[in-house]
């Protein structure tokens, strides 16, 4: 499923935050895309039942919270460890 929202295609999680080889990866992506397209700030992880923040929710915050969130859009711009 390829979805779009006001920022273009919905980004996939960084592989360090959600490994694409996980057996539940496609279900995670589908749940995330449904939530983003419905303007929901969170979704329920299909395997664990945990509440997960969407990329849209992170963008509204405007910065990384340093909690290792699955859909953090700021991971690519994080400073390397010193």
C-alpha atoms as a PDB file:
ATOM      1  CA  UNK A   1       0.000   0.000   0.000  1.00  0.00           C
ATOM      2  CA  UNK A   2       1.495   3.330  -1.037  1.00  0.00           C
ATOM      3  CA  UNK A   3      -0.197   6.203   0.694  1.00  0.00           C
ATOM      4  CA  UNK A   4       0.274   9.913   0.474  1.00  0.00           C
ATOM      5  CA  UNK A   5      -0.395  12.715   2.907  1.00  0.00           C
ATOM      6  CA  UNK A   6       0.326  16.416   2.744  1.00  0.00           C
ATOM      7  CA  UNK A   7       4.096  15.800   3.002  1.00  0.00           C
ATOM      8  CA  UNK A   8       4.312  13.302   0.091  1.00  0.00           C
ATOM      9  CA  UNK A   9       4.765   9.557   0.537  1.00  0.00           C
ATOM     10  CA  UNK A  10       4.581   8.361   4.127  1.00  0.00           C
ATOM     11  CA  UNK A  11       8.153   7.547   5.155  1.00  0.00           C
ATOM     12  CA  UNK A  12       9.136   4.057   6.233  1.00  0.00           C
ATOM     13  CA  UNK A  13      10.783   3.697   9.654  1.00  0.00           C
ATOM     14  CA  UNK A  14      14.565   3.800   9.763  1.00  0.00           C
ATOM     15  CA  UNK A  15      15.851   0.187   9.630  1.00  0.00           C
ATOM     16  CA  UNK A  16      17.566   0.658  12.983  1.00  0.00           C
ATOM     17  CA  UNK A  17      14.163   1.381  14.528  1.00  0.00           C
ATOM     18  CA  UNK A  18      12.101  -1.241  12.665  1.00  0.00           C
ATOM     19  CA  UNK A  19      13.959  -3.965  10.791  1.00  0.00           C
ATOM     20  CA  UNK A  20      12.325  -4.669   7.399  1.00  0.00           C
ATOM     21  CA  UNK A  21      13.069  -8.380   7.851  1.00  0.00           C
ATOM     22  CA  UNK A  22      10.653  -8.611  10.795  1.00  0.00           C
ATOM     23  CA  UNK A  23       7.802 -10.989  10.003  1.00  0.00           C
ATOM     24  CA  UNK A  24       5.300  -8.318  11.128  1.00  0.00           C
ATOM     25  CA  UNK A  25       6.899  -5.447   9.150  1.00  0.00           C
ATOM     26  CA  UNK A  26       4.151  -5.209   6.506  1.00  0.00           C
ATOM     27  CA  UNK A  27       1.443  -5.218   9.186  1.00  0.00           C
ATOM     28  CA  UNK A  28       3.279  -2.433  11.039  1.00  0.00           C
ATOM     29  CA  UNK A  29       3.542  -0.337   7.861  1.00  0.00           C
ATOM     30  CA  UNK A  30      -0.153  -0.860   7.074  1.00  0.00           C
ATOM     31  CA  UNK A  31      -1.232   0.102  10.601  1.00  0.00           C
ATOM     32  CA  UNK A  32       0.975   3.205  10.505  1.00  0.00           C
ATOM     33  CA  UNK A  33      -0.299   4.301   7.085  1.00  0.00           C
ATOM     34  CA  UNK A  34      -3.935   3.831   8.149  1.00  0.00           C
ATOM     35  CA  UNK A  35      -3.330   5.989  11.228  1.00  0.00           C
ATOM     36  CA  UNK A  36      -1.520   8.738   9.304  1.00  0.00           C
ATOM     37  CA  UNK A  37      -4.205   8.828   6.604  1.00  0.00           C
ATOM     38  CA  UNK A  38      -6.885   9.061   9.318  1.00  0.00           C
ATOM     39  CA  UNK A  39      -4.957  11.903  11.062  1.00  0.00           C
ATOM     40  CA  UNK A  40      -4.547   9.737  14.164  1.00  0.00           C
ATOM     41  CA  UNK A  41      -1.515  10.538  16.365  1.00  0.00           C
ATOM     42  CA  UNK A  42      -0.951   6.876  17.282  1.00  0.00           C
ATOM     43  CA  UNK A  43      -1.730   3.315  16.254  1.00  0.00           C
ATOM     44  CA  UNK A  44      -1.717  -0.047  18.014  1.00  0.00           C
ATOM     45  CA  UNK A  45       1.265  -2.251  17.163  1.00  0.00           C
ATOM     46  CA  UNK A  46      -0.264  -5.320  15.507  1.00  0.00           C
ATOM     47  CA  UNK A  47       2.088  -7.754  17.301  1.00  0.00           C
ATOM     48  CA  UNK A  48       2.513  -6.310  20.783  1.00  0.00           C
ATOM     49  CA  UNK A  49      -0.593  -4.198  21.323  1.00  0.00           C
ATOM     50  CA  UNK A  50       1.601  -1.256  22.377  1.00  0.00           C
ATOM     51  CA  UNK A  51       0.620   2.280  21.367  1.00  0.00           C
ATOM     52  CA  UNK A  52       3.049   3.707  18.779  1.00  0.00           C
ATOM     53  CA  UNK A  53       3.398   7.373  17.772  1.00  0.00           C
ATOM     54  CA  UNK A  54       3.039   8.165  14.062  1.00  0.00           C
ATOM     55  CA  UNK A  55       5.492  10.183  12.005  1.00  0.00           C
ATOM     56  CA  UNK A  56       2.858  12.943  11.816  1.00  0.00           C
ATOM     57  CA  UNK A  57       2.767  13.179  15.594  1.00  0.00           C
ATOM     58  CA  UNK A  58       6.551  13.523  15.699  1.00  0.00           C
ATOM     59  CA  UNK A  59       6.492  16.251  13.058  1.00  0.00           C
ATOM     60  CA  UNK A  60       3.916  18.192  15.085  1.00  0.00           C
ATOM     61  CA  UNK A  61       6.302  18.021  18.065  1.00  0.00           C
ATOM     62  CA  UNK A  62       9.026  19.536  15.887  1.00  0.00           C
ATOM     63  CA  UNK A  63      12.059  17.812  17.376  1.00  0.00           C
ATOM     64  CA  UNK A  64      13.434  14.441  18.409  1.00  0.00           C
ATOM     65  CA  UNK A  65      12.570  13.395  21.959  1.00  0.00           C
ATOM     66  CA  UNK A  66      15.549  10.975  22.168  1.00  0.00           C
ATOM     67  CA  UNK A  67      13.344   8.016  23.153  1.00  0.00           C
ATOM     68  CA  UNK A  68      14.168   5.816  20.158  1.00  0.00           C
ATOM     69  CA  UNK A  69      10.717   6.096  18.586  1.00  0.00           C
ATOM     70  CA  UNK A  70       9.960   3.778  15.670  1.00  0.00           C
ATOM     71  CA  UNK A  71       8.701   6.496  13.295  1.00  0.00           C
ATOM     72  CA  UNK A  72      11.029   9.346  14.291  1.00  0.00           C
ATOM     73  CA  UNK A  73      11.526  11.551  11.221  1.00  0.00           C
ATOM     74  CA  UNK A  74      14.595  13.162  12.786  1.00  0.00           C
ATOM     75  CA  UNK A  75      16.809  10.067  13.010  1.00  0.00           C
ATOM     76  CA  UNK A  76      18.671  10.887   9.789  1.00  0.00           C
ATOM     77  CA  UNK A  77      19.687  14.277  11.176  1.00  0.00           C
ATOM     78  CA  UNK A  78      20.716  13.103  14.629  1.00  0.00           C
ATOM     79  CA  UNK A  79      24.322  13.890  15.538  1.00  0.00           C
ATOM     80  CA  UNK A  80      26.685  10.922  15.604  1.00  0.00           C
ATOM     81  CA  UNK A  81      27.721   9.713  19.048  1.00  0.00           C
ATOM     82  CA  UNK A  82      30.815  11.386  20.471  1.00  0.00           C
END
